[in-house]
Amino acid sequence: MSEEENNQPPTDIRISKDRALMTLTYPDEYKAELTAEYLRIFSPSAEVTGHGPGQEVTQDGKRHVLITDVTPTGRYAIRIQFSDGHETGLYRWAYLRQLSEEKDERWAAYLEELTNKNLSRG
């Protein structure tokens, strides 16, 4: 799938009543289910990704973070506000899909990183 096709906006976005889960359905019927904690940990913001390669910051203590607001940014992304005050990352549709497709691998690596750094989910 090309980058342009992959960045098509979802046809449906739902936030669970408890604000802990976002579900996106894409035009090809692909369904992405992403927890607020996972979205916060992998925010595309500079706070998380750093300002260059290898500068990523491990986000710990985010187990209970919730989604407080979602704001569209053009047709290519959304801004997600979280209960811990974080709101600086723009989540492109393609990035959200990538997060979903890579969820198992990313989550396992994140848990290992927490253990190696003696951190916790909180």
PDB file of N, CA and C in Angstrom:
ATOM      1  N   MET A   1       0.853  -1.180   0.000  1.00  0.00           N
ATOM      2  CA  MET A   1       0.000   0.000   0.000  1.00  0.00           C
ATOM      3  C   MET A   1       0.896   1.240   0.000  1.00  0.00           C
ATOM      4  N   SER A   2       0.601   2.196  -0.864  1.00  0.00           N
ATOM      5  CA  SER A   2       1.402   3.411  -0.940  1.00  0.00           C
ATOM      6  C   SER A   2       1.169   4.274   0.295  1.00  0.00           C
ATOM      7  N   GLU A   3       2.093   5.205   0.553  1.00  0.00           N
ATOM      8  CA  GLU A   3       1.961   6.122   1.691  1.00  0.00           C
ATOM      9  C   GLU A   3       0.651   6.906   1.597  1.00  0.00           C
ATOM     10  N   GLU A   4       0.302   7.345   0.383  1.00  0.00           N
ATOM     11  CA  GLU A   4      -0.937   8.109   0.205  1.00  0.00           C
ATOM     12  C   GLU A   4      -2.158   7.256   0.548  1.00  0.00           C
ATOM     13  N   GLU A   5      -2.176   6.010   0.054  1.00  0.00           N
ATOM     14  CA  GLU A   5      -3.293   5.109   0.364  1.00  0.00           C
ATOM     15  C   GLU A   5      -3.331   4.787   1.853  1.00  0.00           C
ATOM     16  N   ASN A   6      -2.162   4.614   2.441  1.00  0.00           N
ATOM     17  CA  ASN A   6      -2.055   4.250   3.848  1.00  0.00           C
ATOM     18  C   ASN A   6      -2.451   5.409   4.761  1.00  0.00           C
ATOM     19  N   ASN A   7      -2.422   6.629   4.264  1.00  0.00           N
ATOM     20  CA  ASN A   7      -2.759   7.781   5.096  1.00  0.00           C
ATOM     21  C   ASN A   7      -4.193   8.261   4.863  1.00  0.00           C
ATOM     22  N   GLN A   8      -5.032   7.406   4.309  1.00  0.00           N
ATOM     23  CA  GLN A   8      -6.444   7.747   4.156  1.00  0.00           C
ATOM     24  C   GLN A   8      -7.082   7.822   5.540  1.00  0.00           C
ATOM     25  N   PRO A   9      -7.955   8.800   5.766  1.00  0.00           N
ATOM     26  CA  PRO A   9      -8.597   8.902   7.077  1.00  0.00           C
ATOM     27  C   PRO A   9      -9.519   7.714   7.338  1.00  0.00           C
ATOM     28  N   PRO A  10      -9.633   7.324   8.585  1.00  0.00           N
ATOM     29  CA  PRO A  10     -10.562   6.246   8.927  1.00  0.00           C
ATOM     30  C   PRO A  10     -12.002   6.664   8.598  1.00  0.00           C
ATOM     31  N   THR A  11     -12.825   5.681   8.356  1.00  0.00           N
ATOM     32  CA  THR A  11     -14.242   5.947   8.126  1.00  0.00           C
ATOM     33  C   THR A  11     -14.993   6.064   9.447  1.00  0.00           C
ATOM     34  N   ASP A  12     -14.378   5.580  10.522  1.00  0.00           N
ATOM     35  CA  ASP A  12     -15.011   5.631  11.834  1.00  0.00           C
ATOM     36  C   ASP A  12     -13.939   5.693  12.915  1.00  0.00           C
ATOM     37  N   ILE A  13     -14.145   6.557  13.888  1.00  0.00           N
ATOM     38  CA  ILE A  13     -13.254   6.663  15.057  1.00  0.00           C
ATOM     39  C   ILE A  13     -14.149   6.641  16.288  1.00  0.00           C
ATOM     40  N   ARG A  14     -13.833   5.751  17.193  1.00  0.00           N
ATOM     41  CA  ARG A  14     -14.616   5.652  18.432  1.00  0.00           C
ATOM     42  C   ARG A  14     -13.682   5.644  19.635  1.00  0.00           C
ATOM     43  N   ILE A  15     -14.102   6.347  20.664  1.00  0.00           N
ATOM     44  CA  ILE A  15     -13.411   6.341  21.940  1.00  0.00           C
ATOM     45  C   ILE A  15     -14.339   5.608  22.915  1.00  0.00           C
ATOM     46  N   SER A  16     -13.798   4.644  23.645  1.00  0.00           N
ATOM     47  CA  SER A  16     -14.622   3.885  24.579  1.00  0.00           C
ATOM     48  C   SER A  16     -15.169   4.793  25.683  1.00  0.00           C
ATOM     49  N   LYS A  17     -16.247   4.368  26.301  1.00  0.00           N
ATOM     50  CA  LYS A  17     -16.874   5.174  27.348  1.00  0.00           C
ATOM     51  C   LYS A  17     -15.925   5.470  28.498  1.00  0.00           C
ATOM     52  N   ASP A  18     -15.026   4.519  28.795  1.00  0.00           N
ATOM     53  CA  ASP A  18     -14.078   4.756  29.887  1.00  0.00           C
ATOM     54  C   ASP A  18     -12.857   5.564  29.432  1.00  0.00           C
ATOM     55  N   ARG A  19     -12.822   5.942  28.158  1.00  0.00           N
ATOM     56  CA  ARG A  19     -11.782   6.793  27.553  1.00  0.00           C
ATOM     57  C   ARG A  19     -10.409   6.111  27.473  1.00  0.00           C
ATOM     58  N   ALA A  20     -10.386   4.779  27.616  1.00  0.00           N
ATOM     59  CA  ALA A  20      -9.129   4.044  27.635  1.00  0.00           C
ATOM     60  C   ALA A  20      -8.778   3.369  26.307  1.00  0.00           C
ATOM     61  N   LEU A  21      -9.688   3.417  25.313  1.00  0.00           N
ATOM     62  CA  LEU A  21      -9.462   2.717  24.057  1.00  0.00           C
ATOM     63  C   LEU A  21      -9.980   3.535  22.883  1.00  0.00           C
ATOM     64  N   MET A  22      -9.179   3.602  21.825  1.00  0.00           N
ATOM     65  CA  MET A  22      -9.587   4.223  20.575  1.00  0.00           C
ATOM     66  C   MET A  22      -9.659   3.130  19.519  1.00  0.00           C
ATOM     67  N   THR A  23     -10.770   3.104  18.793  1.00  0.00           N
ATOM     68  CA  THR A  23     -10.931   2.153  17.705  1.00  0.00           C
ATOM     69  C   THR A  23     -11.121   2.933  16.409  1.00  0.00           C
ATOM     70  N   LEU A  24     -10.298   2.615  15.415  1.00  0.00           N
ATOM     71  CA  LEU A  24     -10.372   3.260  14.109  1.00  0.00           C
ATOM     72  C   LEU A  24     -10.683   2.202  13.065  1.00  0.00           C
ATOM     73  N   THR A  25     -11.608   2.503  12.173  1.00  0.00           N
ATOM     74  CA  THR A  25     -11.902   1.610  11.059  1.00  0.00           C
ATOM     75  C   THR A  25     -11.518   2.347   9.779  1.00  0.00           C
ATOM     76  N   TYR A  26     -10.637   1.721   9.003  1.00  0.00           N
ATOM     77  CA  TYR A  26     -10.128   2.334   7.771  1.00  0.00           C
ATOM     78  C   TYR A  26     -10.999   1.943   6.580  1.00  0.00           C
ATOM     79  N   PRO A  27     -10.877   2.678   5.459  1.00  0.00           N
ATOM     80  CA  PRO A  27     -11.712   2.405   4.272  1.00  0.00           C
ATOM     81  C   PRO A  27     -11.644   0.958   3.776  1.00  0.00           C
ATOM     82  N   ASP A  28     -10.504   0.279   3.989  1.00  0.00           N
ATOM     83  CA  ASP A  28     -10.383  -1.118   3.557  1.00  0.00           C
ATOM     84  C   ASP A  28     -10.886  -2.098   4.620  1.00  0.00           C
ATOM     85  N   GLU A  29     -11.606  -1.564   5.633  1.00  0.00           N
ATOM     86  CA  GLU A  29     -12.205  -2.343   6.725  1.00  0.00           C
ATOM     87  C   GLU A  29     -11.184  -2.790   7.775  1.00  0.00           C
ATOM     88  N   TYR A  30      -9.912  -2.364   7.645  1.00  0.00           N
ATOM     89  CA  TYR A  30      -8.925  -2.674   8.683  1.00  0.00           C
ATOM     90  C   TYR A  30      -9.344  -1.958   9.965  1.00  0.00           C
ATOM     91  N   LYS A  31      -9.347  -2.685  11.075  1.00  0.00           N
ATOM     92  CA  LYS A  31      -9.754  -2.108  12.350  1.00  0.00           C
ATOM     93  C   LYS A  31      -8.542  -2.052  13.275  1.00  0.00           C
ATOM     94  N   ALA A  32      -8.250  -0.865  13.783  1.00  0.00           N
ATOM     95  CA  ALA A  32      -7.159  -0.654  14.721  1.00  0.00           C
ATOM     96  C   ALA A  32      -7.739  -0.362  16.104  1.00  0.00           C
ATOM     97  N   GLU A  33      -7.328  -1.142  17.097  1.00  0.00           N
ATOM     98  CA  GLU A  33      -7.745  -0.906  18.469  1.00  0.00           C
ATOM     99  C   GLU A  33      -6.503  -0.571  19.281  1.00  0.00           C
ATOM    100  N   LEU A  34      -6.461   0.661  19.780  1.00  0.00           N
ATOM    101  CA  LEU A  34      -5.267   1.166  20.449  1.00  0.00           C
ATOM    102  C   LEU A  34      -5.640   1.741  21.813  1.00  0.00           C
ATOM    103  N   THR A  35      -4.963   1.277  22.852  1.00  0.00           N
ATOM    104  CA  THR A  35      -5.254   1.789  24.187  1.00  0.00           C
ATOM    105  C   THR A  35      -4.660   3.185  24.353  1.00  0.00           C
ATOM    106  N   ALA A  36      -5.234   3.941  25.263  1.00  0.00           N
ATOM    107  CA  ALA A  36      -4.720   5.278  25.566  1.00  0.00           C
ATOM    108  C   ALA A  36      -3.272   5.183  26.039  1.00  0.00           C
ATOM    109  N   GLU A  37      -2.975   4.205  26.868  1.00  0.00           N
ATOM    110  CA  GLU A  37      -1.599   4.033  27.364  1.00  0.00           C
ATOM    111  C   GLU A  37      -0.638   3.825  26.194  1.00  0.00           C
ATOM    112  N   TYR A  38      -0.985   2.941  25.278  1.00  0.00           N
ATOM    113  CA  TYR A  38      -0.138   2.649  24.126  1.00  0.00           C
ATOM    114  C   TYR A  38       0.044   3.886  23.255  1.00  0.00           C
ATOM    115  N   LEU A  39      -1.032   4.603  22.984  1.00  0.00           N
ATOM    116  CA  LEU A  39      -0.944   5.825  22.177  1.00  0.00           C
ATOM    117  C   LEU A  39      -0.051   6.862  22.857  1.00  0.00           C
ATOM    118  N   ARG A  40      -0.166   6.993  24.169  1.00  0.00           N
ATOM    119  CA  ARG A  40       0.637   7.974  24.908  1.00  0.00           C
ATOM    120  C   ARG A  40       2.108   7.600  24.898  1.00  0.00           C
ATOM    121  N   ILE A  41       2.399   6.323  25.073  1.00  0.00           N
ATOM    122  CA  ILE A  41       3.783   5.840  25.099  1.00  0.00           C
ATOM    123  C   ILE A  41       4.467   6.067  23.755  1.00  0.00           C
ATOM    124  N   PHE A  42       3.727   5.875  22.680  1.00  0.00           N
ATOM    125  CA  PHE A  42       4.309   6.002  21.341  1.00  0.00           C
ATOM    126  C   PHE A  42       3.869   7.288  20.643  1.00  0.00           C
ATOM    127  N   SER A  43       3.651   8.327  21.413  1.00  0.00           N
ATOM    128  CA  SER A  43       3.314   9.632  20.835  1.00  0.00           C
ATOM    129  C   SER A  43       4.410  10.068  19.871  1.00  0.00           C
ATOM    130  N   PRO A  44       4.026  10.642  18.731  1.00  0.00           N
ATOM    131  CA  PRO A  44       5.026  11.135  17.784  1.00  0.00           C
ATOM    132  C   PRO A  44       5.614  12.488  18.186  1.00  0.00           C
ATOM    133  N   SER A  45       5.369  12.939  19.389  1.00  0.00           N
ATOM    134  CA  SER A  45       5.843  14.248  19.843  1.00  0.00           C
ATOM    135  C   SER A  45       7.344  14.228  20.138  1.00  0.00           C
ATOM    136  N   ALA A  46       7.952  15.392  20.140  1.00  0.00           N
ATOM    137  CA  ALA A  46       9.375  15.515  20.470  1.00  0.00           C
ATOM    138  C   ALA A  46       9.643  15.088  21.912  1.00  0.00           C
ATOM    139  N   GLU A  47       8.666  15.253  22.797  1.00  0.00           N
ATOM    140  CA  GLU A  47       8.837  14.822  24.187  1.00  0.00           C
ATOM    141  C   GLU A  47       9.149  13.332  24.260  1.00  0.00           C
ATOM    142  N   VAL A  48       8.575  12.558  23.354  1.00  0.00           N
ATOM    143  CA  VAL A  48       8.755  11.114  23.357  1.00  0.00           C
ATOM    144  C   VAL A  48       9.853  10.688  22.390  1.00  0.00           C
ATOM    145  N   THR A  49       9.841  11.224  21.175  1.00  0.00           N
ATOM    146  CA  THR A  49      10.787  10.775  20.152  1.00  0.00           C
ATOM    147  C   THR A  49      12.139  11.456  20.245  1.00  0.00           C
ATOM    148  N   GLY A  50      12.245  12.512  21.042  1.00  0.00           N
ATOM    149  CA  GLY A  50      13.489  13.262  21.111  1.00  0.00           C
ATOM    150  C   GLY A  50      13.611  14.185  19.917  1.00  0.00           C
ATOM    151  N   HIS A  51      14.777  14.752  19.778  1.00  0.00           N
ATOM    152  CA  HIS A  51      14.989  15.699  18.678  1.00  0.00           C
ATOM    153  C   HIS A  51      15.935  15.148  17.618  1.00  0.00           C
ATOM    154  N   GLY A  52      16.117  13.837  17.646  1.00  0.00           N
ATOM    155  CA  GLY A  52      16.967  13.208  16.653  1.00  0.00           C
ATOM    156  C   GLY A  52      17.033  11.712  16.897  1.00  0.00           C
ATOM    157  N   PRO A  53      17.628  10.974  15.959  1.00  0.00           N
ATOM    158  CA  PRO A  53      17.721   9.522  16.096  1.00  0.00           C
ATOM    159  C   PRO A  53      18.407   9.120  17.402  1.00  0.00           C
ATOM    160  N   GLY A  54      17.875   8.109  18.046  1.00  0.00           N
ATOM    161  CA  GLY A  54      18.480   7.598  19.267  1.00  0.00           C
ATOM    162  C   GLY A  54      18.175   8.415  20.513  1.00  0.00           C
ATOM    163  N   GLN A  55      17.309   9.410  20.409  1.00  0.00           N
ATOM    164  CA  GLN A  55      17.006  10.263  21.553  1.00  0.00           C
ATOM    165  C   GLN A  55      15.631   9.983  22.153  1.00  0.00           C
ATOM    166  N   GLU A  56      15.038   8.839  21.820  1.00  0.00           N
ATOM    167  CA  GLU A  56      13.717   8.504  22.337  1.00  0.00           C
ATOM    168  C   GLU A  56      13.734   8.473  23.862  1.00  0.00           C
ATOM    169  N   VAL A  57      12.630   8.904  24.461  1.00  0.00           N
ATOM    170  CA  VAL A  57      12.497   8.943  25.913  1.00  0.00           C
ATOM    171  C   VAL A  57      11.479   7.875  26.317  1.00  0.00           C
ATOM    172  N   THR A  58      11.893   6.987  27.201  1.00  0.00           N
ATOM    173  CA  THR A  58      10.986   5.943  27.677  1.00  0.00           C
ATOM    174  C   THR A  58       9.915   6.573  28.550  1.00  0.00           C
ATOM    175  N   GLN A  59       8.673   6.341  28.190  1.00  0.00           N
ATOM    176  CA  GLN A  59       7.535   6.875  28.940  1.00  0.00           C
ATOM    177  C   GLN A  59       7.089   5.825  29.953  1.00  0.00           C
ATOM    178  N   ASP A  60       7.263   6.109  31.230  1.00  0.00           N
ATOM    179  CA  ASP A  60       6.800   5.183  32.253  1.00  0.00           C
ATOM    180  C   ASP A  60       5.639   5.802  33.020  1.00  0.00           C
ATOM    181  N   GLY A  61       4.975   4.996  33.831  1.00  0.00           N
ATOM    182  CA  GLY A  61       3.889   5.492  34.660  1.00  0.00           C
ATOM    183  C   GLY A  61       2.651   5.935  33.906  1.00  0.00           C
ATOM    184  N   LYS A  62       2.376   5.352  32.749  1.00  0.00           N
ATOM    185  CA  LYS A  62       1.238   5.786  31.920  1.00  0.00           C
ATOM    186  C   LYS A  62       0.086   4.783  31.912  1.00  0.00           C
ATOM    187  N   ARG A  63       0.106   3.793  32.808  1.00  0.00           N
ATOM    188  CA  ARG A  63      -0.910   2.741  32.829  1.00  0.00           C
ATOM    189  C   ARG A  63      -2.335   3.300  32.922  1.00  0.00           C
ATOM    190  N   HIS A  64      -2.532   4.367  33.672  1.00  0.00           N
ATOM    191  CA  HIS A  64      -3.883   4.872  33.918  1.00  0.00           C
ATOM    192  C   HIS A  64      -4.243   6.119  33.106  1.00  0.00           C
ATOM    193  N   VAL A  65      -3.415   6.477  32.135  1.00  0.00           N
ATOM    194  CA  VAL A  65      -3.708   7.649  31.314  1.00  0.00           C
ATOM    195  C   VAL A  65      -4.943   7.369  30.450  1.00  0.00           C
ATOM    196  N   LEU A  66      -5.731   8.405  30.227  1.00  0.00           N
ATOM    197  CA  LEU A  66      -6.947   8.293  29.417  1.00  0.00           C
ATOM    198  C   LEU A  66      -6.939   9.327  28.303  1.00  0.00           C
ATOM    199  N   ILE A  67      -7.769   9.120  27.305  1.00  0.00           N
ATOM    200  CA  ILE A  67      -7.941  10.075  26.215  1.00  0.00           C
ATOM    201  C   ILE A  67      -8.993  11.077  26.666  1.00  0.00           C
ATOM    202  N   THR A  68      -8.640  12.357  26.682  1.00  0.00           N
ATOM    203  CA  THR A  68      -9.612  13.371  27.102  1.00  0.00           C
ATOM    204  C   THR A  68     -10.229  14.111  25.925  1.00  0.00           C
ATOM    205  N   ASP A  69      -9.523  14.158  24.776  1.00  0.00           N
ATOM    206  CA  ASP A  69     -10.064  14.839  23.604  1.00  0.00           C
ATOM    207  C   ASP A  69      -9.309  14.398  22.358  1.00  0.00           C
ATOM    208  N   VAL A  70      -9.997  14.441  21.241  1.00  0.00           N
ATOM    209  CA  VAL A  70      -9.402  14.136  19.935  1.00  0.00           C
ATOM    210  C   VAL A  70      -9.829  15.250  18.991  1.00  0.00           C
ATOM    211  N   THR A  71      -8.843  15.883  18.333  1.00  0.00           N
ATOM    212  CA  THR A  71      -9.118  17.001  17.444  1.00  0.00           C
ATOM    213  C   THR A  71      -8.535  16.718  16.065  1.00  0.00           C
ATOM    214  N   PRO A  72      -9.350  16.774  15.006  1.00  0.00           N
ATOM    215  CA  PRO A  72      -8.814  16.582  13.653  1.00  0.00           C
ATOM    216  C   PRO A  72      -7.830  17.696  13.292  1.00  0.00           C
ATOM    217  N   THR A  73      -6.824  17.331  12.521  1.00  0.00           N
ATOM    218  CA  THR A  73      -5.863  18.295  12.005  1.00  0.00           C
ATOM    219  C   THR A  73      -5.814  18.094  10.501  1.00  0.00           C
ATOM    220  N   GLY A  74      -6.574  18.877   9.798  1.00  0.00           N
ATOM    221  CA  GLY A  74      -6.697  18.676   8.357  1.00  0.00           C
ATOM    222  C   GLY A  74      -7.307  17.317   8.085  1.00  0.00           C
ATOM    223  N   ARG A  75      -6.933  16.736   6.935  1.00  0.00           N
ATOM    224  CA  ARG A  75      -7.433  15.396   6.592  1.00  0.00           C
ATOM    225  C   ARG A  75      -6.371  14.333   6.827  1.00  0.00           C
ATOM    226  N   TYR A  76      -5.252  14.711   7.423  1.00  0.00           N
ATOM    227  CA  TYR A  76      -4.142  13.775   7.508  1.00  0.00           C
ATOM    228  C   TYR A  76      -3.815  13.285   8.909  1.00  0.00           C
ATOM    229  N   ALA A  77      -4.400  13.896   9.953  1.00  0.00           N
ATOM    230  CA  ALA A  77      -3.975  13.527  11.302  1.00  0.00           C
ATOM    231  C   ALA A  77      -4.987  13.970  12.347  1.00  0.00           C
ATOM    232  N   ILE A  78      -4.727  13.533  13.579  1.00  0.00           N
ATOM    233  CA  ILE A  78      -5.483  14.006  14.737  1.00  0.00           C
ATOM    234  C   ILE A  78      -4.507  14.358  15.851  1.00  0.00           C
ATOM    235  N   ARG A  79      -4.961  15.238  16.713  1.00  0.00           N
ATOM    236  CA  ARG A  79      -4.230  15.558  17.936  1.00  0.00           C
ATOM    237  C   ARG A  79      -5.013  14.911  19.065  1.00  0.00           C
ATOM    238  N   ILE A  80      -4.309  14.156  19.902  1.00  0.00           N
ATOM    239  CA  ILE A  80      -4.953  13.483  21.026  1.00  0.00           C
ATOM    240  C   ILE A  80      -4.497  14.150  22.321  1.00  0.00           C
ATOM    241  N   GLN A  81      -5.456  14.513  23.139  1.00  0.00           N
ATOM    242  CA  GLN A  81      -5.147  15.046  24.466  1.00  0.00           C
ATOM    243  C   GLN A  81      -5.331  13.913  25.471  1.00  0.00           C
ATOM    244  N   PHE A  82      -4.399  13.843  26.415  1.00  0.00           N
ATOM    245  CA  PHE A  82      -4.415  12.791  27.422  1.00  0.00           C
ATOM    246  C   PHE A  82      -4.616  13.376  28.812  1.00  0.00           C
ATOM    247  N   SER A  83      -5.066  12.534  29.720  1.00  0.00           N
ATOM    248  CA  SER A  83      -5.373  12.976  31.076  1.00  0.00           C
ATOM    249  C   SER A  83      -4.143  13.441  31.854  1.00  0.00           C
ATOM    250  N   ASP A  84      -2.938  13.122  31.382  1.00  0.00           N
ATOM    251  CA  ASP A  84      -1.730  13.612  32.052  1.00  0.00           C
ATOM    252  C   ASP A  84      -1.279  14.965  31.492  1.00  0.00           C
ATOM    253  N   GLY A  85      -2.103  15.571  30.616  1.00  0.00           N
ATOM    254  CA  GLY A  85      -1.804  16.889  30.061  1.00  0.00           C
ATOM    255  C   GLY A  85      -1.067  16.866  28.734  1.00  0.00           C
ATOM    256  N   HIS A  86      -0.584  15.720  28.311  1.00  0.00           N
ATOM    257  CA  HIS A  86       0.147  15.626  27.041  1.00  0.00           C
ATOM    258  C   HIS A  86      -0.809  15.833  25.871  1.00  0.00           C
ATOM    259  N   GLU A  87      -0.388  16.677  24.895  1.00  0.00           N
ATOM    260  CA  GLU A  87      -1.225  16.922  23.719  1.00  0.00           C
ATOM    261  C   GLU A  87      -0.431  17.423  22.527  1.00  0.00           C
ATOM    262  N   THR A  88       0.871  17.186  22.502  1.00  0.00           N
ATOM    263  CA  THR A  88       1.688  17.816  21.477  1.00  0.00           C
ATOM    264  C   THR A  88       1.952  16.977  20.229  1.00  0.00           C
ATOM    265  N   GLY A  89       1.599  15.705  20.228  1.00  0.00           N
ATOM    266  CA  GLY A  89       1.879  14.884  19.055  1.00  0.00           C
ATOM    267  C   GLY A  89       0.756  14.912  18.038  1.00  0.00           C
ATOM    268  N   LEU A  90       1.110  14.987  16.761  1.00  0.00           N
ATOM    269  CA  LEU A  90       0.127  14.839  15.679  1.00  0.00           C
ATOM    270  C   LEU A  90       0.209  13.409  15.167  1.00  0.00           C
ATOM    271  N   TYR A  91      -0.868  12.679  15.306  1.00  0.00           N
ATOM    272  CA  TYR A  91      -0.934  11.282  14.910  1.00  0.00           C
ATOM    273  C   TYR A  91      -1.498  11.192  13.503  1.00  0.00           C
ATOM    274  N   ARG A  92      -0.595  10.964  12.519  1.00  0.00           N
ATOM    275  CA  ARG A  92      -1.039  10.779  11.134  1.00  0.00           C
ATOM    276  C   ARG A  92      -1.796   9.460  11.034  1.00  0.00           C
ATOM    277  N   TRP A  93      -2.738   9.399  10.106  1.00  0.00           N
ATOM    278  CA  TRP A  93      -3.528   8.178   9.949  1.00  0.00           C
ATOM    279  C   TRP A  93      -2.621   6.981   9.678  1.00  0.00           C
ATOM    280  N   ALA A  94      -1.619   7.160   8.856  1.00  0.00           N
ATOM    281  CA  ALA A  94      -0.694   6.070   8.535  1.00  0.00           C
ATOM    282  C   ALA A  94       0.073   5.629   9.781  1.00  0.00           C
ATOM    283  N   TYR A  95       0.447   6.581  10.635  1.00  0.00           N
ATOM    284  CA  TYR A  95       1.178   6.232  11.859  1.00  0.00           C
ATOM    285  C   TYR A  95       0.285   5.430  12.804  1.00  0.00           C
ATOM    286  N   LEU A  96      -0.987   5.819  12.935  1.00  0.00           N
ATOM    287  CA  LEU A  96      -1.905   5.072  13.790  1.00  0.00           C
ATOM    288  C   LEU A  96      -2.080   3.640  13.283  1.00  0.00           C
ATOM    289  N   ARG A  97      -2.169   3.497  11.979  1.00  0.00           N
ATOM    290  CA  ARG A  97      -2.287   2.144  11.412  1.00  0.00           C
ATOM    291  C   ARG A  97      -1.008   1.352  11.668  1.00  0.00           C
ATOM    292  N   GLN A  98       0.126   1.994  11.482  1.00  0.00           N
ATOM    293  CA  GLN A  98       1.406   1.331  11.740  1.00  0.00           C
ATOM    294  C   GLN A  98       1.500   0.898  13.208  1.00  0.00           C
ATOM    295  N   LEU A  99       1.080   1.773  14.124  1.00  0.00           N
ATOM    296  CA  LEU A  99       1.081   1.403  15.546  1.00  0.00           C
ATOM    297  C   LEU A  99       0.246   0.149  15.771  1.00  0.00           C
ATOM    298  N   SER A 100      -0.885   0.060  15.107  1.00  0.00           N
ATOM    299  CA  SER A 100      -1.744  -1.111  15.259  1.00  0.00           C
ATOM    300  C   SER A 100      -1.081  -2.359  14.682  1.00  0.00           C
ATOM    301  N   GLU A 101      -0.544  -2.237  13.494  1.00  0.00           N
ATOM    302  CA  GLU A 101       0.063  -3.393  12.825  1.00  0.00           C
ATOM    303  C   GLU A 101       1.291  -3.905  13.570  1.00  0.00           C
ATOM    304  N   GLU A 102       1.992  -3.020  14.271  1.00  0.00           N
ATOM    305  CA  GLU A 102       3.222  -3.384  14.985  1.00  0.00           C
ATOM    306  C   GLU A 102       3.011  -3.506  16.491  1.00  0.00           C
ATOM    307  N   LYS A 103       1.761  -3.560  16.920  1.00  0.00           N
ATOM    308  CA  LYS A 103       1.431  -3.481  18.346  1.00  0.00           C
ATOM    309  C   LYS A 103       2.142  -4.544  19.185  1.00  0.00           C
ATOM    310  N   ASP A 104       2.082  -5.789  18.785  1.00  0.00           N
ATOM    311  CA  ASP A 104       2.672  -6.856  19.597  1.00  0.00           C
ATOM    312  C   ASP A 104       4.176  -6.679  19.764  1.00  0.00           C
ATOM    313  N   GLU A 105       4.870  -6.383  18.677  1.00  0.00           N
ATOM    314  CA  GLU A 105       6.322  -6.227  18.738  1.00  0.00           C
ATOM    315  C   GLU A 105       6.711  -4.992  19.546  1.00  0.00           C
ATOM    316  N   ARG A 106       6.035  -3.875  19.285  1.00  0.00           N
ATOM    317  CA  ARG A 106       6.341  -2.634  20.008  1.00  0.00           C
ATOM    318  C   ARG A 106       6.073  -2.790  21.502  1.00  0.00           C
ATOM    319  N   TRP A 107       4.946  -3.428  21.855  1.00  0.00           N
ATOM    320  CA  TRP A 107       4.585  -3.581  23.258  1.00  0.00           C
ATOM    321  C   TRP A 107       5.604  -4.458  23.984  1.00  0.00           C
ATOM    322  N   ALA A 108       6.002  -5.560  23.363  1.00  0.00           N
ATOM    323  CA  ALA A 108       6.997  -6.450  23.976  1.00  0.00           C
ATOM    324  C   ALA A 108       8.322  -5.716  24.190  1.00  0.00           C
ATOM    325  N   ALA A 109       8.746  -4.948  23.194  1.00  0.00           N
ATOM    326  CA  ALA A 109      10.000  -4.190  23.319  1.00  0.00           C
ATOM    327  C   ALA A 109       9.888  -3.131  24.410  1.00  0.00           C
ATOM    328  N   TYR A 110       8.731  -2.487  24.511  1.00  0.00           N
ATOM    329  CA  TYR A 110       8.509  -1.476  25.538  1.00  0.00           C
ATOM    330  C   TYR A 110       8.591  -2.095  26.928  1.00  0.00           C
ATOM    331  N   LEU A 111       7.916  -3.218  27.143  1.00  0.00           N
ATOM    332  CA  LEU A 111       7.955  -3.878  28.458  1.00  0.00           C
ATOM    333  C   LEU A 111       9.374  -4.301  28.819  1.00  0.00           C
ATOM    334  N   GLU A 112      10.131  -4.780  27.849  1.00  0.00           N
ATOM    335  CA  GLU A 112      11.525  -5.154  28.085  1.00  0.00           C
ATOM    336  C   GLU A 112      12.356  -3.923  28.457  1.00  0.00           C
ATOM    337  N   GLU A 113      12.113  -2.820  27.759  1.00  0.00           N
ATOM    338  CA  GLU A 113      12.831  -1.582  28.048  1.00  0.00           C
ATOM    339  C   GLU A 113      12.533  -1.089  29.465  1.00  0.00           C
ATOM    340  N   LEU A 114      11.270  -1.161  29.878  1.00  0.00           N
ATOM    341  CA  LEU A 114      10.918  -0.769  31.251  1.00  0.00           C
ATOM    342  C   LEU A 114      11.694  -1.610  32.261  1.00  0.00           C
ATOM    343  N   THR A 115      11.726  -2.914  32.036  1.00  0.00           N
ATOM    344  CA  THR A 115      12.434  -3.819  32.939  1.00  0.00           C
ATOM    345  C   THR A 115      13.923  -3.486  32.986  1.00  0.00           C
ATOM    346  N   ASN A 116      14.519  -3.290  31.813  1.00  0.00           N
ATOM    347  CA  ASN A 116      15.953  -2.984  31.741  1.00  0.00           C
ATOM    348  C   ASN A 116      16.320  -1.667  32.416  1.00  0.00           C
ATOM    349  N   LYS A 117      15.395  -0.715  32.427  1.00  0.00           N
ATOM    350  CA  LYS A 117      15.644   0.595  33.034  1.00  0.00           C
ATOM    351  C   LYS A 117      15.081   0.701  34.446  1.00  0.00           C
ATOM    352  N   ASN A 118      14.572  -0.427  34.957  1.00  0.00           N
ATOM    353  CA  ASN A 118      13.992  -0.470  36.298  1.00  0.00           C
ATOM    354  C   ASN A 118      12.860   0.555  36.462  1.00  0.00           C
ATOM    355  N   LEU A 119      12.011   0.635  35.445  1.00  0.00           N
ATOM    356  CA  LEU A 119      10.853   1.524  35.450  1.00  0.00           C
ATOM    357  C   LEU A 119       9.588   0.680  35.491  1.00  0.00           C
ATOM    358  N   SER A 120       8.427   1.317  35.702  1.00  0.00           N
ATOM    359  CA  SER A 120       7.176   0.578  35.709  1.00  0.00           C
ATOM    360  C   SER A 120       6.107   1.315  34.909  1.00  0.00           C
ATOM    361  N   ARG A 121       5.048   0.615  34.582  1.00  0.00           N
ATOM    362  CA  ARG A 121       3.920   1.211  33.879  1.00  0.00           C
ATOM    363  C   ARG A 121       3.149   2.142  34.789  1.00  0.00           C
ATOM    364  N   GLY A 122       3.311   2.002  36.101  1.00  0.00           N
ATOM    365  CA  GLY A 122       2.660   2.894  37.056  1.00  0.00           C
ATOM    366  C   GLY A 122       1.346   2.410  37.550  1.00  0.00           C
TER     367      GLY A 122
END
